[in-house]
Amino acid sequence: MKFFEHEGKEIFKKNGINILEGYVAYSPEEASVIASELDKPVVVKAQVLTGGRGKSGGVKFADNPGEAFSVTEEILGMDIKGNTVKRVLVEEKADIINEFYVSITIDREAKRPIIMASKEGGVNIEDLAKNHPEKIIKYHPNPLAEFLPFEAREIARKMGVSSDLISPIGDVIWKLYNIFLKYDAETAEINPLVSTPDGLIAADAKLVVENDSLFRHEDLVAMLKYKKKGVDFVKLDGDIAVIGNGAGLTLTAMDMVKLKGGEPATFLDIGGGASEDIIYQALSIVLNYKPVKVVFLNVLGGITRADDVAKGVVKVLDNIDRDVKIVIRLTGTHEEEGQKILEEAGIPYEISMEEAAEKAVELCKSLE
């Protein structure tokens, strides 16, 4: 069984190998939210079960949430060696000093594991193996004996790295080999393993586990069950973003906007039990969608609590740079608490959906 990069990294992290902070996105909107939350330049990487993403255009950099949206839009749907990109990994951009290569696989001819390592890692590792095989150190550990840390450090020394990196790289090699054994892997690879001002980091991860061993690894099988997206989002042609808690309520709010002379820019359903985090995510999505001039948030609290909605609104407005007007219709469960939170933050709200829709349209027209 092959694992996507983000899954392999999760396993590596669990076993003591440092990775970059990052999260999976299934849409440009989710990617922009992640970039906003990371609050630093990011790299957006296609998640496919094949190599060569970089050379195929499946790895792009973004300095802000807007760029993250754009490059994710370019990457999703790409065909990379017969694999359609359905998700991306958005993670912080590393301050790379050097790139290395470490891989463990099965040497079928020798009938034992083989560790391969080089002080020259990255996208051109195949060319290096073909044209300068002497630059790749190879070592066959004894599968019947414990692989000791000093053996890993000796591999690092033979790689020709500086003396201050011998022990840290040796530690990564030792941990990667133990992952290889622990999970009955066919391949465990880091390319590149990068040195940064913060230490060594696995900037990529490849993990292939023997299918016949999966009965021993229920935790790995469980990783195939992906989390459903928190919101349903559709882009439209207008300039008023419409958000509601429930498809029917959202559609009703869109109709009300149209009735008052406005044009919806989005349909965004946050669901019937939206949390503070879902509210934050939804608002972050529409606030990073450039056509939006005004946001109309229409919440009738049932399972959704009005105070959670208010907290999410305050949180996103404290963390967004773009100046977009927000009109909120907030009523229902815990409405007094929610309205008080908005009042204390100086955020106006309405009780009537019709009045809120009318106000949203008026605001939008005043900005023309």
Protein backbone atom coordinates (compact mmCIF):
# COMPACT_ATOMS: atom_id res chain seq x y z
CA MET A 1 0.00 0.00 0.00
CA LYS A 2 1.34 3.40 -1.02
CA PHE A 3 0.83 6.44 1.19
CA PHE A 4 0.43 10.01 0.09
CA GLU A 5 3.16 12.42 1.17
CA HIS A 6 1.05 13.98 3.94
CA GLU A 7 0.27 10.51 5.35
CA GLY A 8 3.91 9.45 5.23
CA LYS A 9 4.93 12.64 6.98
CA GLU A 10 2.39 12.03 9.72
CA ILE A 11 3.92 8.61 10.33
CA PHE A 12 7.46 10.01 10.25
CA LYS A 13 6.52 12.70 12.76
CA LYS A 14 4.94 10.13 15.04
CA ASN A 15 8.28 8.33 15.06
CA GLY A 16 10.50 11.31 15.82
CA ILE A 17 11.40 12.76 12.41
CA ASN A 18 10.76 16.50 12.08
CA ILE A 19 8.38 17.74 9.37
CA LEU A 20 7.00 21.11 8.32
CA GLU A 21 3.62 22.31 9.54
CA GLY A 22 1.04 21.75 6.85
CA TYR A 23 -2.50 20.60 6.09
CA VAL A 24 -4.39 18.97 3.25
CA ALA A 25 -6.73 21.01 1.03
CA TYR A 26 -9.30 19.70 -1.43
CA SER A 27 -10.13 23.08 -2.97
CA PRO A 28 -8.50 26.48 -3.62
CA GLU A 29 -10.70 27.94 -0.88
CA GLU A 30 -9.40 25.50 1.72
CA ALA A 31 -5.83 26.16 0.58
CA SER A 32 -6.28 29.91 1.09
CA VAL A 33 -7.66 29.31 4.58
CA ILE A 34 -4.66 27.13 5.49
CA ALA A 35 -2.23 29.72 4.13
CA SER A 36 -4.03 32.40 6.14
CA GLU A 37 -3.79 30.36 9.34
CA LEU A 38 -0.10 29.53 8.79
CA ASP A 39 0.50 33.27 8.20
CA LYS A 40 3.72 32.78 6.23
CA PRO A 41 4.85 31.85 2.69
CA VAL A 42 3.77 28.32 1.77
CA VAL A 43 4.44 25.58 -0.75
CA VAL A 44 1.47 23.87 -2.39
CA LYS A 45 2.20 20.28 -3.40
CA ALA A 46 0.09 17.90 -5.46
CA GLN A 47 -0.72 14.72 -3.56
CA VAL A 48 -0.29 11.84 -6.00
CA LEU A 49 1.17 8.36 -5.64
CA THR A 50 4.01 8.95 -8.08
CA GLY A 51 7.24 10.90 -8.32
CA GLY A 52 8.21 13.74 -10.61
CA ARG A 53 5.67 16.26 -9.27
CA GLY A 54 8.11 19.14 -9.29
CA LYS A 55 9.10 18.70 -12.92
CA SER A 56 5.43 18.32 -13.88
CA GLY A 57 4.39 21.61 -12.27
CA GLY A 58 2.77 19.96 -9.27
CA VAL A 59 4.75 21.95 -6.71
CA LYS A 60 4.30 25.73 -6.49
CA PHE A 61 5.04 28.47 -3.97
CA ALA A 62 2.73 31.16 -2.63
CA ASP A 63 3.50 34.23 -0.52
CA ASN A 64 -0.07 34.91 0.63
CA PRO A 65 -3.55 33.32 0.80
CA GLY A 66 -4.56 34.80 -2.55
CA GLU A 67 -1.60 33.22 -4.31
CA ALA A 68 -2.28 29.94 -2.50
CA PHE A 69 -5.80 30.03 -3.94
CA SER A 70 -4.48 30.65 -7.46
CA VAL A 71 -1.75 28.00 -7.53
CA THR A 72 -4.03 25.40 -5.96
CA GLU A 73 -6.57 26.14 -8.69
CA GLU A 74 -3.81 25.40 -11.22
CA ILE A 75 -2.66 22.18 -9.56
CA LEU A 76 -6.00 20.52 -8.76
CA GLY A 77 -7.16 18.42 -11.69
CA MET A 78 -3.67 18.17 -13.20
CA ASP A 79 -2.60 14.86 -14.70
CA ILE A 80 0.77 13.76 -13.35
CA LYS A 81 1.94 10.53 -14.95
CA GLY A 82 -1.62 9.24 -15.23
CA ASN A 83 -2.65 10.41 -11.74
CA THR A 84 -5.30 13.12 -11.39
CA VAL A 85 -4.58 15.55 -8.56
CA LYS A 86 -7.54 15.62 -6.14
CA ARG A 87 -5.87 17.14 -3.10
CA VAL A 88 -2.84 19.24 -2.23
CA LEU A 89 -0.62 19.64 0.81
CA VAL A 90 -0.23 23.26 1.89
CA GLU A 91 2.72 23.65 4.22
CA GLU A 92 5.08 26.35 5.37
CA LYS A 93 7.96 27.14 3.06
CA ALA A 94 11.28 25.90 4.46
CA ASP A 95 14.40 28.06 4.67
CA ILE A 96 16.63 25.45 3.01
CA ILE A 97 20.40 25.44 3.43
CA ASN A 98 21.20 22.00 1.95
CA GLU A 99 19.29 19.02 0.53
CA PHE A 100 20.11 15.36 1.20
CA TYR A 101 18.71 12.00 0.16
CA VAL A 102 17.94 9.00 2.36
CA SER A 103 16.11 5.87 1.25
CA ILE A 104 15.58 2.35 2.56
CA THR A 105 14.20 -0.41 0.39
CA ILE A 106 14.61 -4.12 -0.32
CA ASP A 107 17.60 -5.31 -2.34
CA ARG A 108 16.04 -8.33 -4.04
CA GLU A 109 19.35 -9.65 -5.26
CA ALA A 110 21.04 -9.43 -1.86
CA LYS A 111 17.81 -10.54 -0.12
CA ARG A 112 18.14 -7.92 2.59
CA PRO A 113 17.36 -4.25 3.21
CA ILE A 114 19.54 -1.61 1.64
CA ILE A 115 20.09 1.93 2.91
CA MET A 116 20.99 4.50 0.26
CA ALA A 117 22.06 8.03 1.11
CA SER A 118 23.61 11.03 -0.60
CA LYS A 119 24.53 14.59 0.28
CA GLU A 120 22.93 15.62 -3.02
CA GLY A 121 19.15 15.25 -2.79
CA GLY A 122 16.18 16.76 -4.57
CA VAL A 123 14.40 16.47 -7.90
CA ASN A 124 17.50 15.33 -9.82
CA ILE A 125 18.25 12.26 -7.71
CA GLU A 126 17.47 9.91 -10.64
CA ASP A 127 20.04 11.68 -12.81
CA LEU A 128 22.56 11.48 -9.98
CA ALA A 129 22.02 7.73 -9.62
CA LYS A 130 22.46 7.26 -13.35
CA ASN A 131 25.41 9.57 -14.03
CA HIS A 132 27.25 9.60 -10.68
CA PRO A 133 26.34 6.40 -8.81
CA GLU A 134 29.49 6.75 -6.69
CA LYS A 135 27.87 9.70 -4.92
CA ILE A 136 25.18 7.46 -3.44
CA ILE A 137 26.32 5.55 -0.36
CA LYS A 138 24.87 2.03 -0.06
CA TYR A 139 24.79 -0.09 3.07
CA HIS A 140 23.19 -3.47 3.79
CA PRO A 141 22.24 -3.77 7.47
CA ASN A 142 21.98 -7.24 8.92
CA PRO A 143 18.23 -8.01 9.10
CA LEU A 144 18.86 -10.53 11.91
CA ALA A 145 20.67 -8.04 14.14
CA GLU A 146 19.78 -4.69 15.66
CA PHE A 147 20.70 -1.69 13.52
CA LEU A 148 22.72 0.49 15.88
CA PRO A 149 23.04 4.30 15.89
CA PHE A 150 26.79 4.19 15.24
CA GLU A 151 26.12 2.37 11.95
CA ALA A 152 23.80 5.17 10.89
CA ARG A 153 26.39 7.80 11.84
CA GLU A 154 28.99 5.95 9.75
CA ILE A 155 26.69 6.16 6.73
CA ALA A 156 26.35 9.91 7.33
CA ARG A 157 30.14 10.24 7.59
CA LYS A 158 30.61 8.43 4.28
CA MET A 159 28.10 10.79 2.68
CA GLY A 160 30.71 13.51 3.16
CA VAL A 161 28.59 15.92 5.15
CA SER A 162 30.11 18.42 7.56
CA SER A 163 31.06 17.09 10.99
CA ASP A 164 28.24 18.97 12.74
CA LEU A 165 25.67 17.11 10.58
CA ILE A 166 27.01 13.58 11.00
CA SER A 167 25.15 12.89 14.23
CA PRO A 168 21.82 14.57 13.25
CA ILE A 169 21.71 12.88 9.83
CA GLY A 170 22.73 9.60 11.43
CA ASP A 171 19.82 9.99 13.84
CA VAL A 172 17.37 10.48 10.94
CA ILE A 173 18.76 7.42 9.12
CA TRP A 174 18.42 5.33 12.29
CA LYS A 175 14.83 6.46 12.86
CA LEU A 176 13.88 5.91 9.22
CA TYR A 177 15.24 2.36 9.34
CA ASN A 178 13.22 1.65 12.46
CA ILE A 179 10.10 2.97 10.69
CA PHE A 180 10.94 0.66 7.78
CA LEU A 181 11.02 -2.33 10.13
CA LYS A 182 8.11 -1.31 12.36
CA TYR A 183 5.65 -0.92 9.49
CA ASP A 184 6.84 -3.83 7.30
CA ALA A 185 7.75 -1.36 4.58
CA GLU A 186 8.96 -2.04 1.08
CA THR A 187 10.25 1.54 0.81
CA ALA A 188 10.79 4.39 3.28
CA GLU A 189 12.33 7.48 1.70
CA ILE A 190 13.03 11.14 2.41
CA ASN A 191 13.92 13.22 -0.63
CA PRO A 192 14.88 15.80 0.16
CA LEU A 193 15.95 15.75 3.77
CA VAL A 194 16.75 19.42 4.25
CA SER A 195 18.96 21.29 6.66
CA THR A 196 17.44 24.56 7.89
CA PRO A 197 18.26 27.07 10.64
CA ASP A 198 15.84 25.04 12.78
CA GLY A 199 17.53 21.70 12.10
CA LEU A 200 16.90 18.75 9.79
CA ILE A 201 13.42 18.39 8.32
CA ALA A 202 11.80 15.78 6.08
CA ALA A 203 10.59 17.99 3.22
CA ASP A 204 9.05 15.00 1.48
CA ALA A 205 8.03 11.48 2.47
CA LYS A 206 7.57 8.24 0.57
CA LEU A 207 6.24 5.16 2.32
CA VAL A 208 5.17 1.87 0.74
CA VAL A 209 3.98 -0.91 3.05
CA GLU A 210 3.72 -4.59 2.14
CA ASN A 211 0.01 -5.33 1.60
CA ASP A 212 0.20 -8.75 3.26
CA SER A 213 1.28 -7.11 6.53
CA LEU A 214 -1.66 -4.70 6.83
CA PHE A 215 -3.51 -6.94 9.28
CA ARG A 216 -0.80 -5.92 11.76
CA HIS A 217 -1.25 -2.20 11.10
CA GLU A 218 -4.84 -1.16 11.71
CA ASP A 219 -3.67 2.40 12.38
CA LEU A 220 -2.30 2.65 8.84
CA VAL A 221 -5.47 1.30 7.28
CA ALA A 222 -7.49 3.85 9.26
CA MET A 223 -5.50 6.65 7.61
CA LEU A 224 -7.28 5.92 4.33
CA LYS A 225 -10.51 7.30 5.80
CA TYR A 226 -10.28 10.99 4.98
CA LYS A 227 -12.07 13.74 6.90
CA LYS A 228 -15.01 15.31 5.08
CA LYS A 229 -14.73 18.99 4.27
CA GLY A 230 -16.40 21.24 6.79
CA VAL A 231 -18.28 23.46 4.32
CA ASP A 232 -19.93 23.25 0.88
CA PHE A 233 -18.85 26.11 -1.36
CA VAL A 234 -19.96 27.22 -4.84
CA LYS A 235 -18.65 30.30 -6.65
CA LEU A 236 -21.20 32.51 -8.44
CA ASP A 237 -21.02 35.64 -10.58
CA GLY A 238 -22.05 38.36 -8.10
CA ASP A 239 -20.30 40.35 -5.38
CA ILE A 240 -22.25 39.49 -2.18
CA ALA A 241 -21.00 36.34 -0.45
CA VAL A 242 -23.90 34.42 1.06
CA ILE A 243 -23.25 32.07 3.98
CA GLY A 244 -25.93 30.11 5.82
CA ASN A 245 -26.24 27.21 8.23
CA GLY A 246 -28.15 24.74 6.08
CA ALA A 247 -28.69 24.51 2.33
CA GLY A 248 -32.30 25.70 2.50
CA LEU A 249 -31.47 28.72 4.63
CA THR A 250 -28.55 29.62 2.37
CA LEU A 251 -30.69 29.38 -0.76
CA THR A 252 -33.39 31.49 0.90
CA ALA A 253 -30.81 34.16 1.74
CA MET A 254 -29.61 34.13 -1.88
CA ASP A 255 -33.19 34.60 -3.09
CA MET A 256 -33.62 37.49 -0.67
CA VAL A 257 -30.44 39.15 -1.96
CA LYS A 258 -31.74 38.81 -5.53
CA LEU A 259 -35.14 40.18 -4.49
CA LYS A 260 -33.46 43.27 -3.01
CA GLY A 261 -31.52 43.89 -6.23
CA GLY A 262 -28.18 42.25 -5.40
CA GLU A 263 -26.17 39.40 -6.91
CA PRO A 264 -24.78 36.50 -4.81
CA ALA A 265 -21.06 35.81 -5.19
CA THR A 266 -21.16 32.51 -3.33
CA PHE A 267 -23.30 29.72 -2.01
CA LEU A 268 -21.61 28.58 1.19
CA ASP A 269 -23.42 26.14 3.48
CA ILE A 270 -21.72 25.66 6.85
CA GLY A 271 -24.12 22.92 7.90
CA GLY A 272 -26.61 22.52 10.71
CA GLY A 273 -24.12 22.13 13.55
CA ALA A 274 -21.35 24.53 12.60
CA SER A 275 -18.70 25.22 15.23
CA GLU A 276 -16.62 28.32 15.87
CA ASP A 277 -13.84 26.82 13.71
CA ILE A 278 -16.22 26.15 10.81
CA ILE A 279 -17.47 29.76 10.96
CA TYR A 280 -13.85 30.93 10.91
CA GLN A 281 -13.09 28.68 7.94
CA ALA A 282 -16.15 29.80 5.98
CA LEU A 283 -15.48 33.51 6.48
CA SER A 284 -11.80 33.07 5.64
CA ILE A 285 -12.79 31.43 2.35
CA VAL A 286 -15.11 34.21 1.16
CA LEU A 287 -12.89 37.01 2.45
CA ASN A 288 -10.09 35.66 0.26
CA TYR A 289 -12.37 35.44 -2.79
CA LYS A 290 -11.61 38.68 -4.65
CA PRO A 291 -15.03 39.41 -6.26
CA VAL A 292 -16.64 39.61 -2.81
CA LYS A 293 -17.46 43.16 -1.64
CA VAL A 294 -19.94 42.33 1.13
CA VAL A 295 -20.54 39.19 3.19
CA PHE A 296 -24.09 38.24 4.22
CA LEU A 297 -23.95 35.70 7.06
CA ASN A 298 -27.42 34.28 7.68
CA VAL A 299 -27.64 32.13 10.83
CA LEU A 300 -30.77 30.72 12.42
CA GLY A 301 -29.39 28.90 15.43
CA GLY A 302 -30.77 25.45 16.14
CA ILE A 303 -27.98 22.98 16.66
CA THR A 304 -25.65 25.80 15.65
CA ARG A 305 -25.11 28.11 18.61
CA ALA A 306 -25.24 31.86 18.03
CA ASP A 307 -22.39 32.49 20.49
CA ASP A 308 -20.12 30.10 18.56
CA VAL A 309 -20.97 31.97 15.37
CA ALA A 310 -20.14 35.31 17.01
CA LYS A 311 -16.81 34.02 18.31
CA GLY A 312 -15.87 32.77 14.84
CA VAL A 313 -16.76 36.14 13.30
CA VAL A 314 -14.67 38.07 15.84
CA LYS A 315 -11.73 35.69 15.37
CA VAL A 316 -11.62 36.03 11.59
CA LEU A 317 -11.99 39.82 11.64
CA ASP A 318 -9.05 40.00 14.04
CA ASN A 319 -6.90 38.00 11.62
CA ILE A 320 -7.84 39.27 8.15
CA ASP A 321 -6.24 42.25 6.42
CA ARG A 322 -8.83 42.73 3.67
CA ASP A 323 -11.50 45.38 4.35
CA VAL A 324 -14.82 43.70 3.48
CA LYS A 325 -18.16 44.70 4.98
CA ILE A 326 -20.05 41.97 6.86
CA VAL A 327 -23.81 41.92 7.47
CA ILE A 328 -24.97 39.37 10.02
CA ARG A 329 -28.42 38.02 10.69
CA LEU A 330 -28.09 36.18 13.99
CA THR A 331 -30.91 34.60 15.96
CA GLY A 332 -31.77 31.31 17.64
CA THR A 333 -29.97 29.19 20.25
CA HIS A 334 -27.88 31.33 22.64
CA GLU A 335 -28.73 34.42 20.57
CA GLU A 336 -28.41 36.84 23.48
CA GLU A 337 -24.89 35.61 24.26
CA GLY A 338 -23.93 35.77 20.58
CA GLN A 339 -25.36 39.23 20.07
CA LYS A 340 -23.55 40.48 23.16
CA ILE A 341 -20.23 39.19 21.80
CA LEU A 342 -20.83 41.05 18.54
CA GLU A 343 -21.86 44.24 20.36
CA GLU A 344 -18.73 44.17 22.52
CA ALA A 345 -16.62 43.78 19.38
CA GLY A 346 -18.44 46.64 17.67
CA ILE A 347 -19.93 44.39 14.97
CA PRO A 348 -23.55 45.23 13.95
CA TYR A 349 -26.17 42.52 13.43
CA GLU A 350 -29.81 42.11 12.41
CA ILE A 351 -32.63 39.85 13.61
CA SER A 352 -34.61 39.94 10.35
CA MET A 353 -33.22 38.11 7.30
CA GLU A 354 -35.05 40.52 4.99
CA GLU A 355 -33.55 43.59 6.67
CA ALA A 356 -30.08 42.02 6.68
CA ALA A 357 -30.30 41.17 2.96
CA GLU A 358 -31.48 44.71 2.16
CA LYS A 359 -28.61 46.18 4.16
CA ALA A 360 -26.07 43.93 2.38
CA VAL A 361 -27.32 45.07 -1.04
CA GLU A 362 -27.26 48.74 -0.02
CA LEU A 363 -23.69 48.42 1.26
CA CYS A 364 -22.60 46.72 -1.92
CA LYS A 365 -24.14 49.40 -4.13
CA SER A 366 -22.50 52.14 -2.03
CA LEU A 367 -19.10 50.63 -2.88
CA GLU A 368 -19.62 50.78 -6.65
